[in-house]
Amino acid sequence: MSKIFTIFGIVIGTVFYKYYFDGFGNFFAILFVAGHGAIAALIGYIIDLITDKFKKRGQVAATVESELIKQEKSYRGFGGWLYLFAAGLVYQFLFNLKAVYDNYLMTKTENFESLTTIGNENYNSLWEPTILFEILGESIIVIFVVLIAYFCIKQSLKFKTVSIIFITTSFILQSIDLLLLLNIQNGYSEDLFGSTIYDGIYRSIVYAIVWIPYLLFSKRVKNTFIN
């Protein structure tokens, strides 16, 4: 660009000199034409600098945009932390399915009758509703896991919402179960459950702290579950 402006400046300087300053002498002519050429060259150089600066900005912007697009694509599809989340769901599905079965079998035993029949030594009015509540809660967890798996396969927008509701519901169920067990414990002098009585609620709290923020802010979750 500066070369073109230099030539243009020399031409303009020559024309101006010819029409307005002819007769001032060769030395003045050389200075006049060269001055116009130099000014034009400077203008061309400044334009080149500005143009190059905008080009570089455009290239940087394009590079950044390209990198962002690559990153967005890399955080799409089932992978990363979702594997760990899925593994936890599989465990909860199997654990709660077995728990439903075990608690159901317990309701058919003599031990259950001794706990729920008025007049027996181990009777407590809360045993029956507590065991039935646990069966209901475990069944709800199993159903939730099936729903989450379905929405995951469909890559549905509902995956995130249902997962968060599942985590919250699990925490609420654990809290109610803990309260029931603590009330049962108050009716006995000996320790029935030990320190393990709090394990479920501790797990639910940690689970919620880890996975609710992940589901809310994860790029992979946002980019994958879009249908």
Protein backbone atom coordinates (compact mmCIF):
# COMPACT_ATOMS: atom_id res chain seq x y z
CA MET A 1 0.00 0.00 0.00
CA SER A 2 2.83 2.43 0.83
CA LYS A 3 4.43 1.88 -2.60
CA ILE A 4 1.17 2.70 -4.36
CA PHE A 5 0.73 5.84 -2.26
CA THR A 6 4.36 6.87 -2.96
CA ILE A 7 3.84 6.59 -6.71
CA PHE A 8 0.50 8.38 -6.40
CA GLY A 9 2.15 11.16 -4.33
CA ILE A 10 4.94 11.60 -6.86
CA VAL A 11 2.42 11.81 -9.70
CA ILE A 12 0.26 14.34 -7.81
CA GLY A 13 3.36 16.32 -6.82
CA THR A 14 4.54 16.43 -10.42
CA VAL A 15 1.13 17.55 -11.68
CA PHE A 16 0.85 20.27 -9.02
CA TYR A 17 4.36 21.48 -9.73
CA LYS A 18 3.73 21.55 -13.45
CA TYR A 19 0.55 23.60 -13.17
CA TYR A 20 1.30 25.86 -10.21
CA PHE A 21 5.05 26.04 -9.56
CA ASP A 22 6.63 25.65 -12.99
CA GLY A 23 9.68 27.89 -13.28
CA PHE A 24 10.84 27.64 -9.66
CA GLY A 25 13.86 25.60 -10.69
CA ASN A 26 14.87 21.95 -10.75
CA PHE A 27 15.94 21.79 -7.11
CA PHE A 28 12.55 23.05 -5.91
CA ALA A 29 10.84 20.65 -8.30
CA ILE A 30 12.74 17.69 -6.86
CA LEU A 31 11.96 18.74 -3.27
CA PHE A 32 8.29 19.39 -4.06
CA VAL A 33 7.73 16.09 -5.85
CA ALA A 34 9.80 14.13 -3.32
CA GLY A 35 7.91 15.80 -0.45
CA HIS A 36 4.56 14.75 -1.91
CA GLY A 37 5.91 11.26 -2.46
CA ALA A 38 7.18 11.04 1.13
CA ILE A 39 3.90 12.31 2.60
CA ALA A 40 1.92 9.89 0.47
CA ALA A 41 4.29 7.06 1.43
CA LEU A 42 3.80 7.93 5.13
CA ILE A 43 0.02 7.89 4.70
CA GLY A 44 0.27 4.54 2.93
CA TYR A 45 2.50 3.20 5.71
CA ILE A 46 0.03 4.30 8.41
CA ILE A 47 -2.83 2.71 6.49
CA ASP A 48 -0.78 -0.50 6.22
CA LEU A 49 -0.19 -0.49 10.00
CA ILE A 50 -3.89 0.03 10.73
CA THR A 51 -4.92 -2.63 8.20
CA ASP A 52 -2.42 -5.15 9.59
CA LYS A 53 -3.63 -4.45 13.11
CA PHE A 54 -7.23 -5.15 12.17
CA LYS A 55 -6.18 -8.26 10.24
CA LYS A 56 -4.30 -9.58 13.27
CA ARG A 57 -7.28 -8.85 15.50
CA GLY A 58 -9.50 -10.68 13.06
CA GLN A 59 -7.11 -13.62 12.97
CA VAL A 60 -6.91 -13.71 16.78
CA ALA A 61 -10.70 -13.50 17.03
CA ALA A 62 -11.09 -16.26 14.45
CA THR A 63 -8.53 -18.41 16.29
CA VAL A 64 -10.25 -17.86 19.63
CA GLU A 65 -13.65 -18.63 18.09
CA SER A 66 -12.25 -21.77 16.47
CA GLU A 67 -10.79 -22.92 19.79
CA LEU A 68 -14.08 -22.24 21.57
CA ILE A 69 -15.94 -24.26 18.94
CA LYS A 70 -13.46 -27.12 19.36
CA GLN A 71 -13.88 -26.97 23.13
CA GLU A 72 -17.67 -26.97 22.80
CA LYS A 73 -17.48 -30.05 20.54
CA SER A 74 -15.07 -31.77 22.91
CA TYR A 75 -17.59 -31.28 25.75
CA ARG A 76 -20.41 -32.95 23.86
CA GLY A 77 -21.65 -36.50 24.19
CA PHE A 78 -21.67 -38.99 27.03
CA GLY A 79 -18.29 -38.95 28.75
CA GLY A 80 -16.15 -37.38 31.45
CA TRP A 81 -17.83 -37.08 34.84
CA LEU A 82 -21.06 -38.48 33.43
CA TYR A 83 -19.48 -41.95 33.59
CA LEU A 84 -19.05 -41.55 37.34
CA PHE A 85 -22.59 -40.21 37.71
CA ALA A 86 -23.92 -43.17 35.72
CA ALA A 87 -21.92 -45.64 37.83
CA GLY A 88 -23.50 -44.15 40.96
CA LEU A 89 -26.96 -44.53 39.44
CA VAL A 90 -26.33 -48.18 38.58
CA TYR A 91 -25.19 -48.82 42.15
CA GLN A 92 -28.25 -47.07 43.60
CA PHE A 93 -30.56 -48.98 41.27
CA LEU A 94 -29.15 -52.37 42.31
CA PHE A 95 -28.82 -51.46 46.01
CA ASN A 96 -32.37 -50.12 46.33
CA LEU A 97 -33.87 -52.92 44.24
CA LYS A 98 -32.31 -55.45 46.61
CA ALA A 99 -33.40 -53.38 49.62
CA VAL A 100 -37.02 -53.40 48.39
CA TYR A 101 -36.90 -57.16 48.04
CA ASP A 102 -35.23 -57.70 51.44
CA ASN A 103 -37.64 -55.40 53.27
CA TYR A 104 -40.61 -57.04 51.56
CA LEU A 105 -39.40 -60.47 52.69
CA MET A 106 -38.92 -59.08 56.19
CA THR A 107 -42.62 -58.16 56.38
CA LYS A 108 -43.39 -61.89 56.02
CA THR A 109 -41.20 -62.97 58.96
CA GLU A 110 -41.94 -63.58 62.63
CA ASN A 111 -39.43 -60.87 63.50
CA PHE A 112 -41.62 -58.30 61.75
CA GLU A 113 -44.65 -59.54 63.68
CA SER A 114 -42.81 -59.25 66.97
CA LEU A 115 -41.87 -55.65 66.16
CA THR A 116 -45.34 -54.60 65.05
CA THR A 117 -47.67 -56.57 67.33
CA ILE A 118 -48.94 -54.73 70.39
CA GLY A 119 -47.92 -56.40 73.63
CA ASN A 120 -44.65 -57.89 72.37
CA GLU A 121 -41.46 -56.88 74.15
CA ASN A 122 -39.88 -55.31 71.03
CA TYR A 123 -43.07 -53.59 69.86
CA ASN A 124 -42.93 -50.00 68.71
CA SER A 125 -45.75 -48.30 66.82
CA LEU A 126 -43.24 -46.75 64.39
CA TRP A 127 -41.66 -50.01 63.16
CA GLU A 128 -44.36 -50.85 60.64
CA PRO A 129 -44.71 -47.38 59.04
CA THR A 130 -40.93 -47.02 58.99
CA ILE A 131 -40.36 -50.31 57.16
CA LEU A 132 -43.21 -49.60 54.73
CA PHE A 133 -41.86 -46.09 54.17
CA GLU A 134 -38.42 -47.53 53.39
CA ILE A 135 -39.95 -49.91 50.84
CA LEU A 136 -41.81 -46.99 49.24
CA GLY A 137 -38.73 -44.74 49.24
CA GLU A 138 -36.49 -47.41 47.76
CA SER A 139 -39.08 -48.09 45.06
CA ILE A 140 -39.19 -44.37 44.22
CA ILE A 141 -35.38 -44.31 43.85
CA VAL A 142 -35.50 -47.31 41.49
CA ILE A 143 -38.16 -45.60 39.34
CA PHE A 144 -36.17 -42.36 39.26
CA VAL A 145 -33.04 -44.16 38.05
CA VAL A 146 -35.03 -45.78 35.23
CA LEU A 147 -36.41 -42.37 34.21
CA ILE A 148 -32.95 -40.76 34.28
CA ALA A 149 -31.56 -43.59 32.14
CA TYR A 150 -34.39 -43.09 29.62
CA PHE A 151 -33.85 -39.32 29.36
CA CYS A 152 -30.10 -39.91 29.12
CA ILE A 153 -30.50 -42.24 26.14
CA LYS A 154 -32.84 -39.72 24.48
CA GLN A 155 -30.38 -36.90 25.28
CA SER A 156 -33.39 -35.02 26.60
CA LEU A 157 -33.40 -31.61 28.27
CA LYS A 158 -35.35 -33.29 31.07
CA PHE A 159 -32.26 -35.29 32.06
CA LYS A 160 -30.82 -32.46 34.15
CA THR A 161 -34.13 -31.52 35.77
CA VAL A 162 -35.11 -35.09 36.65
CA SER A 163 -31.61 -35.82 37.97
CA ILE A 164 -31.71 -32.81 40.31
CA ILE A 165 -35.22 -33.75 41.49
CA PHE A 166 -33.94 -37.30 42.07
CA ILE A 167 -31.02 -36.08 44.22
CA THR A 168 -33.27 -33.73 46.21
CA THR A 169 -35.93 -36.42 46.69
CA SER A 170 -33.31 -38.91 47.82
CA PHE A 171 -32.08 -36.45 50.46
CA ILE A 172 -35.64 -35.80 51.70
CA LEU A 173 -36.39 -39.54 51.92
CA GLN A 174 -33.17 -40.14 53.85
CA SER A 175 -34.01 -37.30 56.26
CA ILE A 176 -37.50 -38.64 56.97
CA ASP A 177 -36.15 -42.18 57.42
CA LEU A 178 -33.51 -40.91 59.86
CA LEU A 179 -36.14 -39.08 61.93
CA LEU A 180 -38.27 -42.22 62.09
CA LEU A 181 -35.32 -44.37 63.17
CA LEU A 182 -34.26 -41.85 65.82
CA ASN A 183 -37.78 -41.86 67.23
CA ILE A 184 -37.75 -45.66 67.31
CA GLN A 185 -34.39 -45.58 69.10
CA ASN A 186 -35.85 -43.34 71.81
CA GLY A 187 -38.15 -46.20 72.81
CA TYR A 188 -35.27 -48.53 73.65
CA SER A 189 -32.54 -48.35 76.24
CA GLU A 190 -29.98 -50.25 74.16
CA ASP A 191 -28.41 -48.85 70.98
CA LEU A 192 -30.22 -50.53 68.06
CA PHE A 193 -28.53 -48.93 65.08
CA GLY A 194 -25.14 -47.61 66.20
CA SER A 195 -23.36 -44.79 64.39
CA THR A 196 -24.36 -46.26 61.00
CA ILE A 197 -27.78 -44.68 61.44
CA TYR A 198 -26.33 -41.43 60.02
CA ASP A 199 -24.53 -43.00 57.03
CA GLY A 200 -27.44 -42.54 54.64
CA ILE A 201 -27.95 -38.85 55.33
CA TYR A 202 -24.19 -38.18 55.13
CA ARG A 203 -24.02 -39.86 51.72
CA SER A 204 -27.04 -37.88 50.50
CA ILE A 205 -25.49 -34.56 51.56
CA VAL A 206 -22.16 -35.30 49.86
CA TYR A 207 -23.96 -36.61 46.76
CA ALA A 208 -26.02 -33.41 46.51
CA ILE A 209 -23.01 -31.12 47.06
CA VAL A 210 -21.07 -32.84 44.27
CA TRP A 211 -23.69 -33.53 41.62
CA ILE A 212 -26.22 -30.70 41.75
CA PRO A 213 -23.60 -28.00 40.87
CA TYR A 214 -22.17 -30.33 38.21
CA LEU A 215 -25.57 -30.81 36.56
CA LEU A 216 -26.29 -27.08 36.71
CA PHE A 217 -22.99 -25.78 35.34
CA SER A 218 -21.40 -28.60 33.33
CA LYS A 219 -20.67 -27.73 29.68
CA ARG A 220 -21.00 -31.40 28.74
CA VAL A 221 -24.47 -31.65 30.28
CA LYS A 222 -25.50 -28.40 28.58
CA ASN A 223 -24.19 -29.45 25.15
CA THR A 224 -25.30 -33.09 25.28
CA PHE A 225 -28.85 -33.02 26.60
CA ILE A 226 -30.52 -30.66 24.13
CA ASN A 227 -33.54 -32.54 22.73
